[in-house]
């Protein structure tokens, strides 16, 4: 086993058996304030923002008028603001959308990317180390608390707890306290390994502006079919009620490590390209991809041009 693989295996044990610590401060962050903030955002994203109570949150997409994803976003409802974070690659589109369509609403947009830090605690011990054992179990539930004398916002995730830190200059103090309490610093590769195993697609890697949420299996997590109108709703609703996507997010069990972007072929037909790839200590080489429905679960597809193959499997990996 290589040194890199040994290190990944150790980090993987930390995030699956105890608690890993990953600095996620690079994510894009915005805040919306004003009496019209929720009403404005309700018409721009796929999920029901106006239904959120303070301390609750949701995951949503923001779309083109044709229903294609410009990005995805986590939305947290506070008492006096809506907190948003997104992939850095999607930040400018989110900012442009908010600035362009907020005219006429009582809402103000505040950039927070460089001012606020974000630490991710991953693993079963995360709530205890974050001082958030009483945090509700629903994903995106959040509350203000304090660590190492620093005000933070603890946010429930699917794999642990995120800590949103008001002043980025205090990230080091919070991180040191968490390490002293037993958190193990882990690499992005380890965090990505768990994400891929859980088949959580990532914008900029698995998702882009050619993807409709249903193709990526995001309807349940990100789309409300009972709220009012929003940009791109017609396409999303039509596909949900009347159509069947030609491709869907699938897992791939690879015969050997491969590269993101490698083409997938079934016989002579192109059926997709690899998105996220990793070598999992549990499952071996695996990947995510949007795969055409001709390649059913159990099918073996060719990968790239180096003689690799992959079995199309269900999600998440088991």
Protein backbone atom coordinates (compact mmCIF):
# COMPACT_ATOMS: atom_id res chain seq x y z
CA UNK A 1 0.00 0.00 0.00
CA UNK A 2 1.40 3.43 -0.95
CA UNK A 3 2.10 6.17 1.60
CA UNK A 4 -0.72 8.26 0.13
CA UNK A 5 -3.14 5.34 0.43
CA UNK A 6 -2.02 4.68 4.01
CA UNK A 7 -2.70 8.32 4.88
CA UNK A 8 -6.11 8.29 3.19
CA UNK A 9 -7.01 5.08 5.02
CA UNK A 10 -6.13 6.67 8.38
CA UNK A 11 -8.15 9.78 7.59
CA UNK A 12 -11.03 7.63 6.40
CA UNK A 13 -11.07 5.80 9.73
CA UNK A 14 -11.24 9.15 11.50
CA UNK A 15 -14.28 10.35 9.53
CA UNK A 16 -16.15 7.06 9.75
CA UNK A 17 -15.30 6.03 13.31
CA UNK A 18 -14.55 9.25 15.23
CA UNK A 19 -14.28 12.81 13.92
CA UNK A 20 -12.31 14.43 11.13
CA UNK A 21 -11.77 18.18 10.75
CA UNK A 22 -11.68 19.81 7.32
CA UNK A 23 -11.34 23.54 6.63
CA UNK A 24 -14.10 24.34 4.14
CA UNK A 25 -13.74 28.12 4.31
CA UNK A 26 -13.28 28.41 0.55
CA UNK A 27 -17.02 27.94 -0.01
CA UNK A 28 -18.82 31.01 -1.30
CA UNK A 29 -20.94 32.80 1.32
CA UNK A 30 -23.62 35.46 1.07
CA UNK A 31 -26.23 36.93 3.41
CA UNK A 32 -29.59 38.46 2.54
CA UNK A 33 -31.25 40.90 4.91
CA UNK A 34 -34.44 42.92 4.80
CA UNK A 35 -38.14 42.27 5.17
CA UNK A 36 -38.40 41.00 1.58
CA UNK A 37 -35.42 38.61 1.63
CA UNK A 38 -37.41 35.36 1.90
CA UNK A 39 -40.04 36.52 -0.61
CA UNK A 40 -37.33 37.42 -3.11
CA UNK A 41 -35.38 34.17 -2.73
CA UNK A 42 -38.60 32.13 -2.92
CA UNK A 43 -38.97 33.14 -6.56
CA UNK A 44 -35.38 32.33 -7.47
CA UNK A 45 -34.64 28.86 -6.08
CA UNK A 46 -36.25 25.43 -6.25
CA UNK A 47 -37.04 24.85 -2.56
CA UNK A 48 -39.51 26.46 -0.18
CA UNK A 49 -37.63 29.26 1.56
CA UNK A 50 -40.70 30.95 3.00
CA UNK A 51 -41.60 27.79 4.92
CA UNK A 52 -38.36 27.95 6.94
CA UNK A 53 -38.44 28.97 10.58
CA UNK A 54 -35.38 30.48 12.28
CA UNK A 55 -32.97 27.65 13.03
CA UNK A 56 -34.07 25.66 9.98
CA UNK A 57 -32.53 25.42 6.53
CA UNK A 58 -32.79 23.74 3.16
CA UNK A 59 -30.82 22.75 0.10
CA UNK A 60 -31.87 24.24 -3.24
CA UNK A 61 -30.81 24.88 -6.81
CA UNK A 62 -30.94 28.07 -8.81
CA UNK A 63 -31.71 27.55 -12.46
CA UNK A 64 -31.83 29.02 -15.93
CA UNK A 65 -35.32 29.69 -17.35
CA UNK A 66 -34.97 26.31 -19.10
CA UNK A 67 -34.47 24.49 -15.81
CA UNK A 68 -30.71 23.91 -16.07
CA UNK A 69 -28.61 24.31 -12.92
CA UNK A 70 -26.52 27.43 -12.47
CA UNK A 71 -25.51 26.21 -9.03
CA UNK A 72 -26.74 24.77 -5.75
CA UNK A 73 -26.97 26.46 -2.40
CA UNK A 74 -27.50 25.80 1.31
CA UNK A 75 -29.96 28.30 2.80
CA UNK A 76 -30.14 28.89 6.55
CA UNK A 77 -32.94 30.95 8.09
CA UNK A 78 -31.86 33.22 10.93
CA UNK A 79 -33.88 35.77 12.87
CA UNK A 80 -32.60 38.74 10.90
CA UNK A 81 -30.94 37.28 7.78
CA UNK A 82 -30.80 34.41 5.35
CA UNK A 83 -27.36 32.79 5.22
CA UNK A 84 -26.34 31.21 1.91
CA UNK A 85 -23.32 29.12 1.01
CA UNK A 86 -22.44 27.55 -2.31
CA UNK A 87 -19.59 26.06 -4.29
CA UNK A 88 -17.03 28.73 -5.08
CA UNK A 89 -17.41 28.03 -8.80
CA UNK A 90 -21.11 28.94 -8.58
CA UNK A 91 -20.69 32.00 -6.35
CA UNK A 92 -20.58 34.62 -9.10
CA UNK A 93 -23.76 33.30 -10.74
CA UNK A 94 -25.52 33.32 -7.37
CA UNK A 95 -24.36 36.87 -6.72
CA UNK A 96 -25.40 37.97 -10.23
CA UNK A 97 -28.84 36.40 -9.80
CA UNK A 98 -29.39 38.09 -6.46
CA UNK A 99 -28.24 41.47 -7.69
CA UNK A 100 -30.17 41.32 -10.99
CA UNK A 101 -33.55 40.15 -9.71
CA UNK A 102 -33.71 41.79 -6.28
CA UNK A 103 -34.76 45.15 -7.73
CA UNK A 104 -38.13 46.09 -6.26
CA UNK A 105 -37.74 43.92 -3.15
CA UNK A 106 -36.83 45.12 0.32
CA UNK A 107 -33.63 43.10 0.42
CA UNK A 108 -29.91 43.78 0.75
CA UNK A 109 -27.09 41.50 -0.39
CA UNK A 110 -23.93 41.10 1.68
CA UNK A 111 -20.74 39.32 0.58
CA UNK A 112 -19.35 37.07 3.30
CA UNK A 113 -16.93 34.71 1.53
CA UNK A 114 -13.71 36.26 2.78
CA UNK A 115 -15.05 37.43 6.13
CA UNK A 116 -16.45 34.14 7.44
CA UNK A 117 -14.79 30.80 8.00
CA UNK A 118 -16.32 27.33 7.71
CA UNK A 119 -15.00 24.22 9.43
CA UNK A 120 -16.52 20.81 8.71
CA UNK A 121 -16.57 18.15 11.43
CA UNK A 122 -17.16 14.76 9.85
CA UNK A 123 -17.95 11.58 11.74
CA UNK A 124 -20.07 10.16 14.57
CA UNK A 125 -18.29 12.19 17.27
CA UNK A 126 -18.85 15.51 15.48
CA UNK A 127 -21.86 16.75 17.51
CA UNK A 128 -20.11 16.15 20.82
CA UNK A 129 -16.91 17.90 19.74
CA UNK A 130 -18.89 20.81 18.31
CA UNK A 131 -20.85 21.22 21.55
CA UNK A 132 -24.01 20.56 19.55
CA UNK A 133 -25.37 17.31 20.97
CA UNK A 134 -28.79 18.97 21.36
CA UNK A 135 -28.85 20.19 17.76
CA UNK A 136 -31.90 18.74 15.96
CA UNK A 137 -31.11 15.78 13.73
CA UNK A 138 -32.58 17.23 10.55
CA UNK A 139 -29.99 18.23 7.97
CA UNK A 140 -29.44 22.04 7.88
CA UNK A 141 -30.78 22.59 11.42
CA UNK A 142 -28.56 25.21 13.04
CA UNK A 143 -28.06 27.31 16.14
CA UNK A 144 -25.65 29.89 17.52
CA UNK A 145 -23.15 28.61 20.08
CA UNK A 146 -19.59 29.24 21.21
CA UNK A 147 -16.30 27.35 20.97
CA UNK A 148 -12.99 28.47 22.45
CA UNK A 149 -14.68 31.75 23.34
CA UNK A 150 -15.55 32.33 19.66
CA UNK A 151 -19.14 32.77 18.43
CA UNK A 152 -19.99 30.10 15.85
CA UNK A 153 -23.07 28.71 14.16
CA UNK A 154 -23.35 24.90 14.36
CA UNK A 155 -25.10 23.42 11.31
CA UNK A 156 -26.23 19.81 11.02
CA UNK A 157 -24.96 18.04 7.89
CA UNK A 158 -25.52 14.57 6.48
CA UNK A 159 -22.13 13.46 7.85
CA UNK A 160 -21.62 15.59 10.97
CA UNK A 161 -21.63 19.28 11.87
CA UNK A 162 -20.39 22.40 10.08
CA UNK A 163 -19.23 25.41 12.07
CA UNK A 164 -19.80 28.78 10.43
CA UNK A 165 -17.42 31.26 12.05
CA UNK A 166 -18.27 34.96 11.92
CA UNK A 167 -14.65 36.20 11.86
CA UNK A 168 -12.30 34.24 9.62
CA UNK A 169 -9.36 35.38 11.76
CA UNK A 170 -10.64 33.19 14.62
CA UNK A 171 -10.75 29.97 12.56
CA UNK A 172 -7.32 28.97 13.88
CA UNK A 173 -8.41 29.25 17.52
CA UNK A 174 -11.54 27.18 16.91
CA UNK A 175 -9.58 24.58 14.95
CA UNK A 176 -6.98 24.27 17.71
CA UNK A 177 -9.67 23.73 20.33
CA UNK A 178 -11.28 21.02 18.19
CA UNK A 179 -7.94 19.26 17.69
CA UNK A 180 -7.29 19.39 21.43
CA UNK A 181 -10.70 17.78 21.93
CA UNK A 182 -9.79 14.90 19.61
CA UNK A 183 -10.69 15.95 16.07
CA UNK A 184 -8.23 14.72 13.44
CA UNK A 185 -7.31 17.04 10.58
CA UNK A 186 -8.22 15.34 7.29
CA UNK A 187 -7.61 16.18 3.66
CA UNK A 188 -10.12 17.17 1.04
CA UNK A 189 -9.49 13.76 -0.55
CA UNK A 190 -10.85 12.00 2.54
CA UNK A 191 -13.90 14.27 2.75
CA UNK A 192 -14.52 13.74 -0.96
CA UNK A 193 -14.24 9.98 -0.57
CA UNK A 194 -17.13 9.92 1.88
CA UNK A 195 -19.17 12.31 -0.26
CA UNK A 196 -18.75 10.09 -3.32
CA UNK A 197 -19.63 6.95 -1.37
CA UNK A 198 -22.83 8.66 -0.27
CA UNK A 199 -23.52 9.75 -3.87
CA UNK A 200 -23.86 13.42 -3.09
CA UNK A 201 -23.07 15.14 -6.42
CA UNK A 202 -20.95 18.29 -6.38
CA UNK A 203 -21.53 21.32 -8.57
CA UNK A 204 -18.61 21.96 -10.90
CA UNK A 205 -17.65 18.28 -10.94
CA UNK A 206 -20.82 16.18 -11.29
CA UNK A 207 -23.25 19.02 -11.98
CA UNK A 208 -23.14 21.95 -14.39
CA UNK A 209 -25.39 24.15 -16.50
CA UNK A 210 -26.49 21.23 -18.68
CA UNK A 211 -28.11 19.35 -15.77
CA UNK A 212 -31.73 19.42 -14.63
CA UNK A 213 -32.12 18.58 -10.89
CA UNK A 214 -34.10 15.38 -11.49
CA UNK A 215 -31.29 13.94 -13.63
CA UNK A 216 -28.99 14.20 -10.61
CA UNK A 217 -31.54 12.73 -8.19
CA UNK A 218 -32.00 16.07 -6.42
CA UNK A 219 -35.79 16.40 -6.50
CA UNK A 220 -36.34 15.00 -3.01
CA UNK A 221 -33.60 17.10 -1.44
CA UNK A 222 -33.80 20.32 -3.39
CA UNK A 223 -37.20 20.80 -5.06
CA UNK A 224 -40.61 21.77 -3.68
CA UNK A 225 -43.57 20.94 -5.90
CA UNK A 226 -46.06 22.79 -3.70
CA UNK A 227 -44.49 26.27 -3.52
CA UNK A 228 -45.19 29.12 -5.90
CA UNK A 229 -43.41 29.94 -9.12
CA UNK A 230 -39.64 30.19 -9.47
CA UNK A 231 -37.19 30.52 -12.35
CA UNK A 232 -37.05 27.25 -14.33
CA UNK A 233 -40.10 25.72 -12.63
CA UNK A 234 -41.94 24.79 -15.83
CA UNK A 235 -39.21 22.46 -17.08
CA UNK A 236 -38.63 20.89 -13.67
CA UNK A 237 -42.35 20.24 -13.12
CA UNK A 238 -42.94 18.91 -16.63
CA UNK A 239 -40.11 16.39 -16.35
CA UNK A 240 -41.28 15.31 -12.88
CA UNK A 241 -44.94 14.79 -13.76
CA UNK A 242 -44.81 13.75 -17.40
CA UNK A 243 -41.33 12.74 -18.40
CA UNK A 244 -38.47 10.42 -17.64
CA UNK A 245 -34.90 11.71 -17.82
CA UNK A 246 -32.63 10.18 -20.44
CA UNK A 247 -29.81 10.01 -17.90
CA UNK A 248 -29.48 9.78 -14.14
CA UNK A 249 -26.81 9.93 -11.47
CA UNK A 250 -25.27 6.52 -10.94
CA UNK A 251 -22.35 4.99 -9.09
CA UNK A 252 -19.61 3.15 -10.94
CA UNK A 253 -17.41 0.41 -9.53
CA UNK A 254 -14.20 0.81 -11.53
CA UNK A 255 -11.76 -1.92 -12.50
CA UNK A 256 -8.90 0.51 -11.69
CA UNK A 257 -8.51 4.19 -10.81
CA UNK A 258 -9.69 6.53 -13.56
CA UNK A 259 -9.88 10.25 -14.24
CA UNK A 260 -12.77 12.69 -14.05
CA UNK A 261 -14.00 13.35 -17.57
CA UNK A 262 -13.18 9.89 -18.95
CA UNK A 263 -15.81 8.80 -21.48
CA UNK A 264 -18.18 5.91 -20.75
CA UNK A 265 -19.29 3.67 -23.62
CA UNK A 266 -21.69 0.77 -23.82
CA UNK A 267 -20.83 -1.15 -26.96
CA UNK A 268 -20.33 1.59 -29.53
CA UNK A 269 -22.57 4.12 -27.82
CA UNK A 270 -21.48 6.96 -25.57
CA UNK A 271 -23.47 6.86 -22.32
CA UNK A 272 -21.74 9.51 -20.20
CA UNK A 273 -18.53 10.79 -18.63
CA UNK A 274 -17.03 10.28 -15.20
CA UNK A 275 -17.62 13.01 -12.65
CA UNK A 276 -16.21 12.57 -9.14
CA UNK A 277 -13.62 9.80 -8.78
CA UNK A 278 -11.86 8.32 -5.76
CA UNK A 279 -10.23 5.20 -4.41
CA UNK A 280 -12.31 4.25 -1.39
CA UNK A 281 -10.72 2.24 1.43
CA UNK A 282 -14.05 0.41 1.65
CA UNK A 283 -15.17 0.04 -1.99
CA UNK A 284 -11.98 0.45 -4.02
CA UNK A 285 -11.94 2.65 -7.15
CA UNK A 286 -15.38 4.24 -7.57
CA UNK A 287 -16.94 7.19 -9.36
CA UNK A 288 -20.13 9.13 -9.94
CA UNK A 289 -21.53 9.91 -13.38
CA UNK A 290 -24.66 10.98 -15.17
CA UNK A 291 -25.31 7.81 -17.18
CA UNK A 292 -27.82 7.33 -19.97
CA UNK A 293 -30.64 4.93 -19.14
CA UNK A 294 -29.51 2.45 -21.83
CA UNK A 295 -26.79 1.45 -19.35
CA UNK A 296 -28.89 -0.18 -16.65
CA UNK A 297 -27.63 -1.06 -13.20
CA UNK A 298 -25.40 -4.09 -13.54
CA UNK A 299 -24.20 -3.17 -17.02
CA UNK A 300 -20.45 -3.11 -17.64
CA UNK A 301 -19.23 -0.07 -19.53
CA UNK A 302 -15.85 0.84 -21.00
CA UNK A 303 -14.00 3.74 -19.38
CA UNK A 304 -11.69 6.01 -21.35
CA UNK A 305 -9.14 4.64 -23.79
CA UNK A 306 -6.93 2.57 -21.52
CA UNK A 307 -8.93 -0.64 -21.37
CA UNK A 308 -10.65 0.13 -18.07
CA UNK A 309 -14.19 -0.96 -17.32
CA UNK A 310 -16.83 -0.23 -14.71
CA UNK A 311 -20.02 -1.78 -13.42
CA UNK A 312 -22.95 0.60 -13.19
CA UNK A 313 -24.38 0.30 -9.68
CA UNK A 314 -27.18 1.84 -7.67
CA UNK A 315 -26.70 4.74 -5.29
CA UNK A 316 -25.47 5.09 -2.65
CA UNK A 317 -22.66 2.55 -2.67
CA UNK A 318 -23.32 -0.42 -0.39
